[in-house]
N, C-alpha and C. Protein backbone atom coordinates (compact mmCIF):
# COMPACT_ATOMS: atom_id res chain seq x y z
N MET A 1 -32.14 23.38 36.06
CA MET A 1 -32.56 23.85 34.78
C MET A 1 -31.96 22.95 33.72
N ASN A 2 -32.79 22.35 32.90
CA ASN A 2 -32.34 21.44 31.86
C ASN A 2 -32.18 22.18 30.55
N SER A 3 -31.04 22.04 29.98
CA SER A 3 -30.77 22.68 28.70
C SER A 3 -31.10 21.71 27.56
N PRO A 4 -31.77 22.17 26.53
CA PRO A 4 -32.05 21.28 25.40
C PRO A 4 -30.81 21.02 24.54
N TYR A 5 -29.77 21.78 24.81
CA TYR A 5 -28.56 21.63 24.01
C TYR A 5 -27.76 20.43 24.49
N ARG A 6 -27.36 19.58 23.57
CA ARG A 6 -26.46 18.47 23.88
C ARG A 6 -25.17 18.69 23.10
N PRO A 7 -24.04 18.54 23.73
CA PRO A 7 -22.79 18.72 23.01
C PRO A 7 -22.67 17.68 21.88
N PRO A 8 -22.01 18.06 20.80
CA PRO A 8 -21.91 17.15 19.66
C PRO A 8 -21.29 15.79 19.99
N ALA A 9 -20.36 15.76 20.93
CA ALA A 9 -19.72 14.49 21.26
C ALA A 9 -20.70 13.51 21.90
N ALA A 10 -21.73 14.01 22.55
CA ALA A 10 -22.70 13.14 23.19
C ALA A 10 -23.52 12.36 22.16
N GLN A 11 -23.63 12.87 20.96
CA GLN A 11 -24.38 12.16 19.93
C GLN A 11 -23.67 10.88 19.51
N PHE A 12 -22.35 10.86 19.62
CA PHE A 12 -21.60 9.70 19.18
C PHE A 12 -21.41 8.66 20.27
N ALA A 13 -21.71 9.00 21.50
CA ALA A 13 -21.45 8.09 22.61
C ALA A 13 -22.33 6.86 22.55
N ASN A 14 -23.53 6.98 22.05
CA ASN A 14 -24.46 5.86 22.06
C ASN A 14 -24.48 5.09 20.74
N GLN A 15 -23.64 5.45 19.81
CA GLN A 15 -23.63 4.72 18.55
C GLN A 15 -22.83 3.44 18.69
N SER A 16 -23.34 2.39 18.11
CA SER A 16 -22.61 1.13 18.12
C SER A 16 -21.86 0.96 16.81
N ALA A 17 -20.94 0.04 16.82
CA ALA A 17 -20.15 -0.23 15.62
C ALA A 17 -21.04 -0.82 14.54
N THR A 18 -20.76 -0.46 13.33
CA THR A 18 -21.49 -1.03 12.20
C THR A 18 -20.55 -1.92 11.41
N GLY A 19 -21.13 -2.65 10.48
CA GLY A 19 -20.31 -3.50 9.63
C GLY A 19 -19.29 -2.71 8.85
N THR A 20 -19.66 -1.50 8.45
CA THR A 20 -18.73 -0.65 7.71
C THR A 20 -17.54 -0.25 8.57
N ASP A 21 -17.78 0.04 9.85
CA ASP A 21 -16.68 0.38 10.75
C ASP A 21 -15.70 -0.78 10.88
N ILE A 22 -16.24 -1.97 11.01
CA ILE A 22 -15.39 -3.14 11.15
C ILE A 22 -14.64 -3.42 9.85
N ARG A 23 -15.30 -3.23 8.73
CA ARG A 23 -14.61 -3.43 7.44
C ARG A 23 -13.49 -2.40 7.26
N ARG A 24 -13.73 -1.17 7.66
CA ARG A 24 -12.67 -0.15 7.57
C ARG A 24 -11.49 -0.51 8.45
N ARG A 25 -11.78 -0.99 9.65
CA ARG A 25 -10.70 -1.40 10.54
C ARG A 25 -9.96 -2.60 9.95
N GLY A 26 -10.68 -3.51 9.31
CA GLY A 26 -10.04 -4.65 8.65
C GLY A 26 -9.12 -4.20 7.54
N ALA A 27 -9.58 -3.25 6.73
CA ALA A 27 -8.73 -2.73 5.65
C ALA A 27 -7.49 -2.06 6.22
N ALA A 28 -7.64 -1.33 7.31
CA ALA A 28 -6.49 -0.66 7.93
C ALA A 28 -5.50 -1.66 8.51
N ILE A 29 -6.01 -2.68 9.20
CA ILE A 29 -5.12 -3.68 9.80
C ILE A 29 -4.38 -4.46 8.72
N PHE A 30 -5.08 -4.84 7.67
CA PHE A 30 -4.44 -5.62 6.62
C PHE A 30 -3.44 -4.79 5.81
N ALA A 31 -3.66 -3.49 5.69
CA ALA A 31 -2.77 -2.65 4.88
C ALA A 31 -1.61 -2.06 5.69
N THR A 32 -1.58 -2.26 6.99
CA THR A 32 -0.55 -1.65 7.83
C THR A 32 0.85 -2.16 7.51
N LEU A 33 1.03 -3.48 7.50
CA LEU A 33 2.36 -4.04 7.27
C LEU A 33 2.91 -3.69 5.88
N PRO A 34 2.15 -3.87 4.79
CA PRO A 34 2.70 -3.46 3.50
C PRO A 34 2.98 -1.95 3.41
N SER A 35 2.17 -1.15 4.09
CA SER A 35 2.42 0.30 4.08
C SER A 35 3.72 0.65 4.79
N LEU A 36 3.97 0.00 5.92
CA LEU A 36 5.24 0.23 6.62
C LEU A 36 6.43 -0.22 5.78
N LEU A 37 6.28 -1.37 5.12
CA LEU A 37 7.36 -1.83 4.24
C LEU A 37 7.58 -0.85 3.09
N LEU A 38 6.50 -0.32 2.55
CA LEU A 38 6.61 0.66 1.47
C LEU A 38 7.38 1.90 1.94
N ILE A 39 7.06 2.39 3.12
CA ILE A 39 7.74 3.57 3.65
C ILE A 39 9.23 3.28 3.87
N ILE A 40 9.53 2.11 4.43
CA ILE A 40 10.94 1.75 4.68
C ILE A 40 11.70 1.61 3.37
N PHE A 41 11.14 0.88 2.41
CA PHE A 41 11.84 0.67 1.14
C PHE A 41 11.98 1.96 0.35
N GLN A 42 10.95 2.80 0.38
CA GLN A 42 11.04 4.07 -0.35
C GLN A 42 12.06 4.99 0.29
N GLY A 43 12.10 5.03 1.61
CA GLY A 43 13.11 5.84 2.30
C GLY A 43 14.51 5.35 2.00
N ASN A 44 14.68 4.03 1.97
CA ASN A 44 15.98 3.46 1.63
C ASN A 44 16.35 3.81 0.19
N SER A 45 15.38 3.80 -0.70
CA SER A 45 15.64 4.14 -2.10
C SER A 45 16.06 5.60 -2.23
N PHE A 46 15.43 6.48 -1.49
CA PHE A 46 15.83 7.89 -1.50
C PHE A 46 17.25 8.07 -0.95
N TYR A 47 17.59 7.24 0.03
CA TYR A 47 18.91 7.35 0.65
C TYR A 47 20.01 6.82 -0.28
N VAL A 48 19.72 5.73 -0.99
CA VAL A 48 20.74 5.06 -1.81
C VAL A 48 20.92 5.73 -3.17
N HIS A 49 19.83 6.08 -3.84
CA HIS A 49 19.91 6.62 -5.20
C HIS A 49 19.92 8.15 -5.18
N PRO A 50 20.56 8.75 -6.16
CA PRO A 50 20.48 10.21 -6.27
C PRO A 50 19.04 10.63 -6.56
N VAL A 51 18.50 11.43 -5.70
CA VAL A 51 17.09 11.79 -5.79
C VAL A 51 16.82 12.59 -7.05
N TRP A 52 15.71 12.25 -7.71
CA TRP A 52 15.18 12.93 -8.89
C TRP A 52 16.03 12.77 -10.15
N THR A 53 17.09 11.97 -10.11
CA THR A 53 17.88 11.79 -11.33
C THR A 53 17.68 10.41 -11.93
N GLU A 54 17.12 9.49 -11.19
CA GLU A 54 16.89 8.14 -11.70
C GLU A 54 15.43 7.77 -11.54
N ILE A 55 14.93 7.01 -12.49
CA ILE A 55 13.56 6.52 -12.37
C ILE A 55 13.47 5.44 -11.29
N ARG A 56 14.59 4.80 -11.00
CA ARG A 56 14.60 3.72 -10.01
C ARG A 56 14.31 4.22 -8.60
N VAL A 57 14.39 5.50 -8.39
CA VAL A 57 14.14 6.03 -7.06
C VAL A 57 12.70 5.77 -6.62
N PHE A 58 11.78 5.63 -7.57
CA PHE A 58 10.38 5.38 -7.23
C PHE A 58 9.98 3.92 -7.40
N GLU A 59 10.93 3.04 -7.60
CA GLU A 59 10.62 1.64 -7.81
C GLU A 59 9.84 1.02 -6.64
N PRO A 60 10.20 1.27 -5.37
CA PRO A 60 9.39 0.70 -4.29
C PRO A 60 7.93 1.16 -4.32
N SER A 61 7.70 2.40 -4.73
CA SER A 61 6.32 2.90 -4.74
C SER A 61 5.46 2.18 -5.76
N TYR A 62 5.96 2.02 -6.97
CA TYR A 62 5.10 1.40 -7.96
C TYR A 62 5.12 -0.11 -7.92
N THR A 63 6.00 -0.72 -7.13
CA THR A 63 5.91 -2.16 -6.95
C THR A 63 5.15 -2.54 -5.69
N MET A 64 5.17 -1.69 -4.67
CA MET A 64 4.51 -2.02 -3.40
C MET A 64 3.08 -1.48 -3.29
N THR A 65 2.75 -0.44 -4.03
CA THR A 65 1.40 0.12 -3.94
C THR A 65 0.32 -0.89 -4.29
N PRO A 66 0.47 -1.72 -5.32
CA PRO A 66 -0.56 -2.74 -5.56
C PRO A 66 -0.71 -3.71 -4.40
N LEU A 67 0.39 -4.04 -3.72
CA LEU A 67 0.31 -4.93 -2.56
C LEU A 67 -0.49 -4.28 -1.43
N VAL A 68 -0.27 -3.00 -1.21
CA VAL A 68 -1.03 -2.28 -0.17
C VAL A 68 -2.52 -2.29 -0.53
N LEU A 69 -2.84 -2.01 -1.78
CA LEU A 69 -4.24 -1.99 -2.20
C LEU A 69 -4.89 -3.36 -2.11
N ILE A 70 -4.19 -4.40 -2.55
CA ILE A 70 -4.74 -5.76 -2.47
C ILE A 70 -4.93 -6.16 -1.02
N SER A 71 -4.00 -5.80 -0.15
CA SER A 71 -4.14 -6.11 1.28
C SER A 71 -5.35 -5.40 1.88
N ALA A 72 -5.53 -4.14 1.55
CA ALA A 72 -6.67 -3.39 2.08
C ALA A 72 -7.99 -3.97 1.57
N VAL A 73 -8.05 -4.33 0.31
CA VAL A 73 -9.28 -4.92 -0.24
C VAL A 73 -9.56 -6.26 0.42
N THR A 74 -8.53 -7.06 0.64
CA THR A 74 -8.72 -8.35 1.32
C THR A 74 -9.23 -8.14 2.74
N GLY A 75 -8.63 -7.22 3.47
CA GLY A 75 -9.09 -6.94 4.83
C GLY A 75 -10.52 -6.46 4.86
N HIS A 76 -10.88 -5.61 3.92
CA HIS A 76 -12.26 -5.12 3.83
C HIS A 76 -13.22 -6.27 3.51
N ALA A 77 -12.79 -7.19 2.65
CA ALA A 77 -13.68 -8.26 2.21
C ALA A 77 -13.92 -9.32 3.28
N ILE A 78 -12.90 -9.64 4.07
CA ILE A 78 -13.07 -10.75 5.01
C ILE A 78 -13.20 -10.29 6.46
N ALA A 79 -13.35 -9.00 6.70
CA ALA A 79 -13.39 -8.48 8.07
C ALA A 79 -14.55 -9.08 8.88
N LEU A 80 -15.74 -9.06 8.33
CA LEU A 80 -16.89 -9.57 9.09
C LEU A 80 -16.78 -11.07 9.33
N GLN A 81 -16.22 -11.80 8.36
CA GLN A 81 -16.06 -13.24 8.55
C GLN A 81 -15.01 -13.54 9.61
N CYS A 82 -13.97 -12.72 9.70
CA CYS A 82 -12.93 -12.94 10.72
C CYS A 82 -13.48 -12.78 12.13
N ILE A 83 -14.41 -11.87 12.30
CA ILE A 83 -14.93 -11.61 13.64
C ILE A 83 -15.74 -12.78 14.17
N GLN A 84 -16.48 -13.43 13.31
CA GLN A 84 -17.34 -14.51 13.78
C GLN A 84 -16.80 -15.90 13.44
N ALA A 85 -15.58 -16.00 12.94
CA ALA A 85 -15.03 -17.28 12.49
C ALA A 85 -14.48 -18.10 13.65
N SER A 86 -14.66 -19.42 13.53
CA SER A 86 -14.00 -20.33 14.46
C SER A 86 -12.54 -20.47 14.01
N ALA A 87 -11.76 -21.22 14.77
CA ALA A 87 -10.34 -21.36 14.44
C ALA A 87 -10.15 -22.04 13.09
N SER A 88 -10.90 -23.09 12.82
CA SER A 88 -10.75 -23.79 11.54
C SER A 88 -11.22 -22.92 10.38
N ARG A 89 -12.27 -22.17 10.59
CA ARG A 89 -12.76 -21.29 9.52
C ARG A 89 -11.78 -20.14 9.29
N MET A 90 -11.12 -19.69 10.36
CA MET A 90 -10.14 -18.63 10.21
C MET A 90 -8.95 -19.12 9.38
N ILE A 91 -8.56 -20.37 9.58
CA ILE A 91 -7.49 -20.95 8.76
C ILE A 91 -7.95 -21.04 7.31
N GLY A 92 -9.21 -21.40 7.09
CA GLY A 92 -9.74 -21.44 5.73
C GLY A 92 -9.76 -20.07 5.08
N LEU A 93 -10.17 -19.06 5.84
CA LEU A 93 -10.15 -17.69 5.31
C LEU A 93 -8.73 -17.25 4.98
N GLY A 94 -7.80 -17.59 5.88
CA GLY A 94 -6.41 -17.25 5.63
C GLY A 94 -5.86 -17.96 4.41
N ALA A 95 -6.24 -19.23 4.23
CA ALA A 95 -5.77 -19.98 3.07
C ALA A 95 -6.34 -19.40 1.78
N ALA A 96 -7.61 -19.03 1.80
CA ALA A 96 -8.21 -18.44 0.59
C ALA A 96 -7.56 -17.10 0.25
N ALA A 97 -7.36 -16.27 1.25
CA ALA A 97 -6.73 -14.97 1.00
C ALA A 97 -5.27 -15.15 0.58
N ALA A 98 -4.57 -16.08 1.21
CA ALA A 98 -3.17 -16.33 0.83
C ALA A 98 -3.08 -16.87 -0.59
N ALA A 99 -4.02 -17.72 -0.98
CA ALA A 99 -4.03 -18.23 -2.35
C ALA A 99 -4.26 -17.10 -3.35
N MET A 100 -5.16 -16.19 -3.00
CA MET A 100 -5.41 -15.06 -3.90
C MET A 100 -4.18 -14.15 -3.99
N TRP A 101 -3.55 -13.87 -2.85
CA TRP A 101 -2.35 -13.04 -2.86
C TRP A 101 -1.23 -13.72 -3.64
N ALA A 102 -1.10 -15.03 -3.43
CA ALA A 102 -0.04 -15.77 -4.13
C ALA A 102 -0.29 -15.78 -5.63
N MET A 103 -1.54 -15.96 -6.03
CA MET A 103 -1.85 -15.95 -7.46
C MET A 103 -1.50 -14.59 -8.07
N THR A 104 -1.80 -13.53 -7.34
CA THR A 104 -1.44 -12.19 -7.82
C THR A 104 0.07 -12.04 -7.93
N ALA A 105 0.80 -12.54 -6.94
CA ALA A 105 2.26 -12.45 -6.96
C ALA A 105 2.86 -13.27 -8.10
N VAL A 106 2.32 -14.47 -8.32
CA VAL A 106 2.84 -15.32 -9.39
C VAL A 106 2.57 -14.70 -10.75
N VAL A 107 1.35 -14.20 -10.95
CA VAL A 107 1.02 -13.58 -12.23
C VAL A 107 1.88 -12.34 -12.46
N ALA A 108 2.00 -11.49 -11.45
CA ALA A 108 2.82 -10.29 -11.60
C ALA A 108 4.28 -10.65 -11.80
N GLY A 109 4.77 -11.65 -11.08
CA GLY A 109 6.16 -12.08 -11.23
C GLY A 109 6.44 -12.64 -12.60
N ASN A 110 5.51 -13.40 -13.15
CA ASN A 110 5.72 -13.97 -14.48
C ASN A 110 5.58 -12.92 -15.57
N LEU A 111 4.83 -11.87 -15.32
CA LEU A 111 4.75 -10.79 -16.30
C LEU A 111 6.03 -9.96 -16.30
N ILE A 112 6.68 -9.88 -15.14
CA ILE A 112 7.90 -9.10 -15.04
C ILE A 112 9.10 -9.86 -15.61
N LEU A 113 9.07 -11.20 -15.51
CA LEU A 113 10.20 -12.00 -15.98
C LEU A 113 10.41 -11.84 -17.48
N ASP A 114 11.59 -12.22 -17.90
CA ASP A 114 11.96 -12.12 -19.31
C ASP A 114 11.02 -12.97 -20.16
N LYS A 115 10.54 -12.42 -21.26
CA LYS A 115 9.59 -13.13 -22.12
C LYS A 115 10.25 -14.29 -22.87
N ALA A 116 11.58 -14.33 -22.94
CA ALA A 116 12.26 -15.39 -23.69
C ALA A 116 12.28 -16.71 -22.92
N THR A 117 12.04 -16.67 -21.62
CA THR A 117 12.06 -17.90 -20.85
C THR A 117 10.79 -18.69 -21.11
N GLN A 118 10.94 -20.01 -21.11
CA GLN A 118 9.80 -20.88 -21.38
C GLN A 118 8.97 -21.03 -20.11
N PHE A 119 7.65 -21.06 -20.27
CA PHE A 119 6.74 -21.20 -19.14
C PHE A 119 6.82 -22.62 -18.60
N ASN A 120 7.03 -22.77 -17.32
CA ASN A 120 7.15 -24.08 -16.69
C ASN A 120 6.08 -24.17 -15.61
N LEU A 121 5.08 -25.01 -15.82
CA LEU A 121 3.95 -25.11 -14.90
C LEU A 121 4.39 -25.58 -13.52
N VAL A 122 5.29 -26.54 -13.47
CA VAL A 122 5.74 -27.06 -12.18
C VAL A 122 6.45 -25.97 -11.37
N ALA A 123 7.27 -25.19 -12.04
CA ALA A 123 7.97 -24.10 -11.34
C ALA A 123 6.98 -23.05 -10.84
N VAL A 124 5.97 -22.76 -11.63
CA VAL A 124 4.97 -21.78 -11.21
C VAL A 124 4.16 -22.31 -10.04
N LEU A 125 3.77 -23.58 -10.07
CA LEU A 125 3.02 -24.16 -8.95
C LEU A 125 3.87 -24.23 -7.69
N ALA A 126 5.15 -24.53 -7.83
CA ALA A 126 6.04 -24.53 -6.66
C ALA A 126 6.17 -23.12 -6.09
N GLN A 127 6.31 -22.16 -6.97
CA GLN A 127 6.39 -20.76 -6.53
C GLN A 127 5.10 -20.37 -5.82
N TRP A 128 3.97 -20.76 -6.35
CA TRP A 128 2.67 -20.46 -5.76
C TRP A 128 2.55 -21.09 -4.38
N ALA A 129 2.96 -22.35 -4.23
CA ALA A 129 2.87 -23.04 -2.94
C ALA A 129 3.76 -22.38 -1.89
N VAL A 130 4.94 -21.97 -2.28
CA VAL A 130 5.84 -21.30 -1.33
C VAL A 130 5.26 -19.97 -0.87
N ILE A 131 4.68 -19.24 -1.80
CA ILE A 131 4.09 -17.94 -1.45
C ILE A 131 2.88 -18.13 -0.55
N VAL A 132 2.05 -19.15 -0.82
CA VAL A 132 0.90 -19.43 0.06
C VAL A 132 1.40 -19.78 1.46
N ALA A 133 2.42 -20.62 1.55
CA ALA A 133 2.96 -21.00 2.86
C ALA A 133 3.54 -19.79 3.60
N PHE A 134 4.03 -18.81 2.88
CA PHE A 134 4.56 -17.59 3.50
C PHE A 134 3.43 -16.68 3.97
N PHE A 135 2.40 -16.51 3.14
CA PHE A 135 1.33 -15.56 3.46
C PHE A 135 0.31 -16.10 4.46
N LEU A 136 0.12 -17.41 4.53
CA LEU A 136 -0.92 -17.98 5.38
C LEU A 136 -0.79 -17.56 6.85
N PRO A 137 0.37 -17.71 7.50
CA PRO A 137 0.43 -17.28 8.91
C PRO A 137 0.25 -15.78 9.09
N ILE A 138 0.73 -15.00 8.13
CA ILE A 138 0.56 -13.54 8.22
C ILE A 138 -0.91 -13.17 8.20
N ILE A 139 -1.66 -13.78 7.29
CA ILE A 139 -3.08 -13.46 7.17
C ILE A 139 -3.85 -13.95 8.39
N ILE A 140 -3.51 -15.12 8.91
CA ILE A 140 -4.20 -15.63 10.10
C ILE A 140 -3.95 -14.71 11.29
N VAL A 141 -2.72 -14.24 11.47
CA VAL A 141 -2.42 -13.32 12.57
C VAL A 141 -3.20 -12.02 12.40
N LYS A 142 -3.26 -11.49 11.18
CA LYS A 142 -4.03 -10.27 10.95
C LYS A 142 -5.51 -10.50 11.23
N CYS A 143 -6.01 -11.68 10.89
CA CYS A 143 -7.42 -11.99 11.15
C CYS A 143 -7.68 -12.08 12.66
N VAL A 144 -6.73 -12.65 13.40
CA VAL A 144 -6.88 -12.72 14.86
C VAL A 144 -6.85 -11.32 15.47
N ILE A 145 -5.95 -10.47 14.99
CA ILE A 145 -5.90 -9.08 15.48
C ILE A 145 -7.21 -8.37 15.17
N LEU A 146 -7.71 -8.55 13.97
CA LEU A 146 -8.98 -7.93 13.59
C LEU A 146 -10.12 -8.46 14.45
N ARG A 147 -10.10 -9.74 14.74
CA ARG A 147 -11.14 -10.33 15.59
C ARG A 147 -11.10 -9.71 16.98
N HIS A 148 -9.90 -9.55 17.52
CA HIS A 148 -9.76 -8.95 18.86
C HIS A 148 -10.29 -7.51 18.87
N TYR A 149 -9.86 -6.69 17.92
CA TYR A 149 -10.29 -5.30 17.90
C TYR A 149 -11.74 -5.15 17.45
N GLY A 150 -12.19 -6.01 16.58
CA GLY A 150 -13.59 -5.95 16.15
C GLY A 150 -14.54 -6.30 17.27
N ARG A 151 -14.19 -7.31 18.03
CA ARG A 151 -15.04 -7.68 19.17
C ARG A 151 -14.96 -6.63 20.27
N ALA A 152 -13.83 -5.96 20.38
CA ALA A 152 -13.72 -4.87 21.36
C ALA A 152 -14.64 -3.72 20.97
N MET A 153 -14.85 -3.54 19.67
CA MET A 153 -15.79 -2.50 19.23
C MET A 153 -17.21 -2.88 19.61
N LEU A 154 -17.50 -4.17 19.64
CA LEU A 154 -18.84 -4.62 19.96
C LEU A 154 -19.09 -4.71 21.46
N ALA A 155 -18.04 -4.88 22.25
CA ALA A 155 -18.17 -5.18 23.66
C ALA A 155 -18.86 -4.11 24.50
N PRO A 156 -18.68 -2.81 24.27
CA PRO A 156 -19.24 -1.84 25.20
C PRO A 156 -20.74 -1.97 25.40
N ASP A 157 -21.49 -2.20 24.36
CA ASP A 157 -22.93 -2.27 24.55
C ASP A 157 -23.53 -3.58 24.06
N ASP A 158 -22.72 -4.44 23.47
CA ASP A 158 -23.15 -5.74 22.97
C ASP A 158 -24.38 -5.65 22.08
N LYS A 159 -24.49 -4.60 21.32
CA LYS A 159 -25.59 -4.49 20.37
C LYS A 159 -25.23 -5.28 19.12
N PRO A 160 -26.16 -6.01 18.57
CA PRO A 160 -25.83 -6.78 17.37
C PRO A 160 -25.63 -5.88 16.16
N ILE A 161 -24.76 -6.30 15.30
CA ILE A 161 -24.51 -5.61 14.04
C ILE A 161 -25.23 -6.39 12.96
N ALA A 162 -25.78 -5.70 12.01
CA ALA A 162 -26.48 -6.37 10.92
C ALA A 162 -25.50 -7.30 10.21
N GLY A 163 -25.83 -8.59 10.17
CA GLY A 163 -25.00 -9.56 9.49
C GLY A 163 -23.96 -10.22 10.37
N ILE A 164 -23.89 -9.85 11.65
CA ILE A 164 -22.92 -10.45 12.55
C ILE A 164 -23.66 -11.00 13.75
N ALA A 165 -23.38 -12.23 14.08
CA ALA A 165 -23.97 -12.83 15.27
C ALA A 165 -23.03 -12.59 16.44
N ASN A 166 -23.55 -12.06 17.51
CA ASN A 166 -22.75 -11.83 18.72
C ASN A 166 -22.91 -13.02 19.64
N GLY A 167 -22.02 -13.96 19.51
CA GLY A 167 -22.09 -15.14 20.36
C GLY A 167 -23.01 -16.19 19.78
N PRO A 168 -23.19 -17.28 20.53
CA PRO A 168 -24.03 -18.37 20.03
C PRO A 168 -25.50 -17.98 20.02
N PRO A 169 -26.26 -18.54 19.07
CA PRO A 169 -27.70 -18.22 19.04
C PRO A 169 -28.40 -18.75 20.27
N GLN A 170 -29.39 -18.02 20.71
CA GLN A 170 -30.10 -18.41 21.94
C GLN A 170 -31.51 -18.83 21.64
């Protein structure tokens, strides 16, 4: 006797990953490290400072939250490109994202610095280059992790996703 009823979980078994799923996973992967740092620094701040008596107790939250958001937006933006990128293109994606992160860090750092100091272009460019050199390997590793998990999402049924080529064209 065949029942017309199908359990709700069976409806999801045949669904393939979409670009949105991969972008969400990219945002999660890219935001994981800054989120963990935020939790560690905020916990340390609660431990060191008298809670609720100083404004400094929330300093990690309002300095790290923009980094978490920028990381998530970057992961969302380049997720689909990371999945189909070659090694050289992945380095290019990492360099572009690192340059954007570094520019944000330099601008935010110069806004925080004392206004009486004179602006020095060479110092700012050196600061920017050091930050890019720091962020580039981190972003490339995150892109490789995203590529691994994104392709694992595609592997069960190898159905193509709109906008993503699964393997070489035939």
